[in-house]
Amino acid sequence: MSRIQLHKSIQHVTTANGKLSDKTIKLINKMAKKAYGNK
């Protein structure tokens, strides 16, 4: 369920900003790796 909630929040950010910058995408990837990398 955490993964779905994270996905929804990312969708919300994408919708709010219209486009995601490369820095934002890298930040999201880093957070995702921290959240799911060990599992």
PDB file of N, CA and C in Angstrom:
ATOM      1  N   MET A   1       0.827  -1.202   0.000  1.00  0.00           N
ATOM      2  CA  MET A   1       0.000   0.000   0.000  1.00  0.00           C
ATOM      3  C   MET A   1       0.863   1.254   0.000  1.00  0.00           C
ATOM      4  N   SER A   2       2.017   1.184   0.642  1.00  0.00           N
ATOM      5  CA  SER A   2       2.908   2.345   0.654  1.00  0.00           C
ATOM      6  C   SER A   2       3.308   2.721  -0.761  1.00  0.00           C
ATOM      7  N   ARG A   3       3.550   1.715  -1.587  1.00  0.00           N
ATOM      8  CA  ARG A   3       3.992   1.969  -2.956  1.00  0.00           C
ATOM      9  C   ARG A   3       2.890   2.696  -3.732  1.00  0.00           C
ATOM     10  N   ILE A   4       1.629   2.270  -3.518  1.00  0.00           N
ATOM     11  CA  ILE A   4       0.503   2.904  -4.216  1.00  0.00           C
ATOM     12  C   ILE A   4       0.362   4.348  -3.747  1.00  0.00           C
ATOM     13  N   GLN A   5       0.486   4.578  -2.435  1.00  0.00           N
ATOM     14  CA  GLN A   5       0.367   5.935  -1.904  1.00  0.00           C
ATOM     15  C   GLN A   5       1.474   6.820  -2.459  1.00  0.00           C
ATOM     16  N   LEU A   6       2.694   6.295  -2.527  1.00  0.00           N
ATOM     17  CA  LEU A   6       3.815   7.054  -3.078  1.00  0.00           C
ATOM     18  C   LEU A   6       3.544   7.382  -4.535  1.00  0.00           C
ATOM     19  N   HIS A   7       3.036   6.395  -5.273  1.00  0.00           N
ATOM     20  CA  HIS A   7       2.746   6.601  -6.693  1.00  0.00           C
ATOM     21  C   HIS A   7       1.704   7.706  -6.853  1.00  0.00           C
ATOM     22  N   LYS A   8       0.655   7.689  -6.026  1.00  0.00           N
ATOM     23  CA  LYS A   8      -0.380   8.718  -6.109  1.00  0.00           C
ATOM     24  C   LYS A   8       0.200  10.086  -5.802  1.00  0.00           C
ATOM     25  N   SER A   9       1.062  10.163  -4.793  1.00  0.00           N
ATOM     26  CA  SER A   9       1.650  11.455  -4.445  1.00  0.00           C
ATOM     27  C   SER A   9       2.527  11.966  -5.581  1.00  0.00           C
ATOM     28  N   ILE A  10       3.263  11.062  -6.242  1.00  0.00           N
ATOM     29  CA  ILE A  10       4.084  11.473  -7.385  1.00  0.00           C
ATOM     30  C   ILE A  10       3.179  11.962  -8.514  1.00  0.00           C
ATOM     31  N   GLN A  11       2.072  11.258  -8.751  1.00  0.00           N
ATOM     32  CA  GLN A  11       1.128  11.700  -9.780  1.00  0.00           C
ATOM     33  C   GLN A  11       0.610  13.087  -9.444  1.00  0.00           C
ATOM     34  N   HIS A  12       0.314  13.335  -8.175  1.00  0.00           N
ATOM     35  CA  HIS A  12      -0.212  14.629  -7.751  1.00  0.00           C
ATOM     36  C   HIS A  12       0.808  15.726  -8.029  1.00  0.00           C
ATOM     37  N   VAL A  13       2.066  15.461  -7.699  1.00  0.00           N
ATOM     38  CA  VAL A  13       3.123  16.444  -7.949  1.00  0.00           C
ATOM     39  C   VAL A  13       3.248  16.698  -9.444  1.00  0.00           C
ATOM     40  N   THR A  14       3.198  15.623 -10.225  1.00  0.00           N
ATOM     41  CA  THR A  14       3.315  15.763 -11.675  1.00  0.00           C
ATOM     42  C   THR A  14       2.167  16.604 -12.219  1.00  0.00           C
ATOM     43  N   THR A  15       0.958  16.361 -11.705  1.00  0.00           N
ATOM     44  CA  THR A  15      -0.208  17.100 -12.173  1.00  0.00           C
ATOM     45  C   THR A  15      -0.101  18.565 -11.766  1.00  0.00           C
ATOM     46  N   ALA A  16       0.350  18.808 -10.541  1.00  0.00           N
ATOM     47  CA  ALA A  16       0.422  20.174 -10.033  1.00  0.00           C
ATOM     48  C   ALA A  16       1.447  20.999 -10.810  1.00  0.00           C
ATOM     49  N   ASN A  17       2.589  20.386 -11.099  1.00  0.00           N
ATOM     50  CA  ASN A  17       3.669  21.123 -11.755  1.00  0.00           C
ATOM     51  C   ASN A  17       3.576  21.061 -13.269  1.00  0.00           C
ATOM     52  N   GLY A  18       2.790  20.143 -13.794  1.00  0.00           N
ATOM     53  CA  GLY A  18       2.685  19.977 -15.234  1.00  0.00           C
ATOM     54  C   GLY A  18       3.808  19.104 -15.759  1.00  0.00           C
ATOM     55  N   LYS A  19       5.045  19.498 -15.479  1.00  0.00           N
ATOM     56  CA  LYS A  19       6.205  18.705 -15.898  1.00  0.00           C
ATOM     57  C   LYS A  19       7.146  18.547 -14.710  1.00  0.00           C
ATOM     58  N   LEU A  20       7.827  17.418 -14.674  1.00  0.00           N
ATOM     59  CA  LEU A  20       8.843  17.199 -13.649  1.00  0.00           C
ATOM     60  C   LEU A  20      10.213  17.512 -14.226  1.00  0.00           C
ATOM     61  N   SER A  21      10.970  18.296 -13.490  1.00  0.00           N
ATOM     62  CA  SER A  21      12.332  18.581 -13.933  1.00  0.00           C
ATOM     63  C   SER A  21      13.215  17.368 -13.688  1.00  0.00           C
ATOM     64  N   ASP A  22      14.376  17.338 -14.342  1.00  0.00           N
ATOM     65  CA  ASP A  22      15.306  16.217 -14.149  1.00  0.00           C
ATOM     66  C   ASP A  22      15.710  16.097 -12.688  1.00  0.00           C
ATOM     67  N   LYS A  23      15.923  17.235 -12.026  1.00  0.00           N
ATOM     68  CA  LYS A  23      16.316  17.195 -10.613  1.00  0.00           C
ATOM     69  C   LYS A  23      15.216  16.558  -9.779  1.00  0.00           C
ATOM     70  N   THR A  24      13.962  16.904 -10.062  1.00  0.00           N
ATOM     71  CA  THR A  24      12.854  16.334  -9.302  1.00  0.00           C
ATOM     72  C   THR A  24      12.772  14.836  -9.520  1.00  0.00           C
ATOM     73  N   ILE A  25      12.952  14.407 -10.771  1.00  0.00           N
ATOM     74  CA  ILE A  25      12.913  12.974 -11.078  1.00  0.00           C
ATOM     75  C   ILE A  25      14.030  12.251 -10.334  1.00  0.00           C
ATOM     76  N   LYS A  26      15.225  12.833 -10.318  1.00  0.00           N
ATOM     77  CA  LYS A  26      16.346  12.208  -9.601  1.00  0.00           C
ATOM     78  C   LYS A  26      16.047  12.132  -8.111  1.00  0.00           C
ATOM     79  N   LEU A  27      15.438  13.196  -7.560  1.00  0.00           N
ATOM     80  CA  LEU A  27      15.082  13.192  -6.143  1.00  0.00           C
ATOM     81  C   LEU A  27      14.086  12.080  -5.848  1.00  0.00           C
ATOM     82  N   ILE A  28      13.072  11.949  -6.696  1.00  0.00           N
ATOM     83  CA  ILE A  28      12.073  10.901  -6.490  1.00  0.00           C
ATOM     84  C   ILE A  28      12.732   9.531  -6.572  1.00  0.00           C
ATOM     85  N   ASN A  29      13.646   9.351  -7.523  1.00  0.00           N
ATOM     86  CA  ASN A  29      14.343   8.071  -7.656  1.00  0.00           C
ATOM     87  C   ASN A  29      15.156   7.772  -6.407  1.00  0.00           C
ATOM     88  N   LYS A  30      15.816   8.794  -5.853  1.00  0.00           N
ATOM     89  CA  LYS A  30      16.599   8.583  -4.630  1.00  0.00           C
ATOM     90  C   LYS A  30      15.683   8.170  -3.483  1.00  0.00           C
ATOM     91  N   MET A  31      14.543   8.847  -3.340  1.00  0.00           N
ATOM     92  CA  MET A  31      13.615   8.516  -2.262  1.00  0.00           C
ATOM     93  C   MET A  31      13.073   7.108  -2.446  1.00  0.00           C
ATOM     94  N   ALA A  32      12.778   6.745  -3.696  1.00  0.00           N
ATOM     95  CA  ALA A  32      12.254   5.407  -3.968  1.00  0.00           C
ATOM     96  C   ALA A  32      13.293   4.350  -3.621  1.00  0.00           C
ATOM     97  N   LYS A  33      14.558   4.613  -3.951  1.00  0.00           N
ATOM     98  CA  LYS A  33      15.622   3.661  -3.620  1.00  0.00           C
ATOM     99  C   LYS A  33      15.754   3.513  -2.112  1.00  0.00           C
ATOM    100  N   LYS A  34      15.654   4.633  -1.375  1.00  0.00           N
ATOM    101  CA  LYS A  34      15.734   4.551   0.082  1.00  0.00           C
ATOM    102  C   LYS A  34      14.552   3.774   0.637  1.00  0.00           C
ATOM    103  N   ALA A  35      13.375   3.976   0.041  1.00  0.00           N
ATOM    104  CA  ALA A  35      12.163   3.351   0.565  1.00  0.00           C
ATOM    105  C   ALA A  35      12.106   1.864   0.238  1.00  0.00           C
ATOM    106  N   TYR A  36      12.526   1.472  -0.982  1.00  0.00           N
ATOM    107  CA  TYR A  36      12.314   0.109  -1.448  1.00  0.00           C
ATOM    108  C   TYR A  36      13.599  -0.639  -1.768  1.00  0.00           C
ATOM    109  N   GLY A  37      14.741   0.048  -1.720  1.00  0.00           N
ATOM    110  CA  GLY A  37      15.991  -0.577  -2.135  1.00  0.00           C
ATOM    111  C   GLY A  37      16.376  -1.777  -1.283  1.00  0.00           C
ATOM    112  N   ASN A  38      16.071  -1.722   0.023  1.00  0.00           N
ATOM    113  CA  ASN A  38      16.500  -2.787   0.919  1.00  0.00           C
ATOM    114  C   ASN A  38      15.542  -3.966   0.907  1.00  0.00           C
ATOM    115  N   LYS A  39      14.340  -3.794   0.368  1.00  0.00           N
ATOM    116  CA  LYS A  39      13.342  -4.861   0.448  1.00  0.00           C
ATOM    117  C   LYS A  39      13.466  -5.802  -0.727  1.00  0.00           C
TER     118      LYS A  39
END
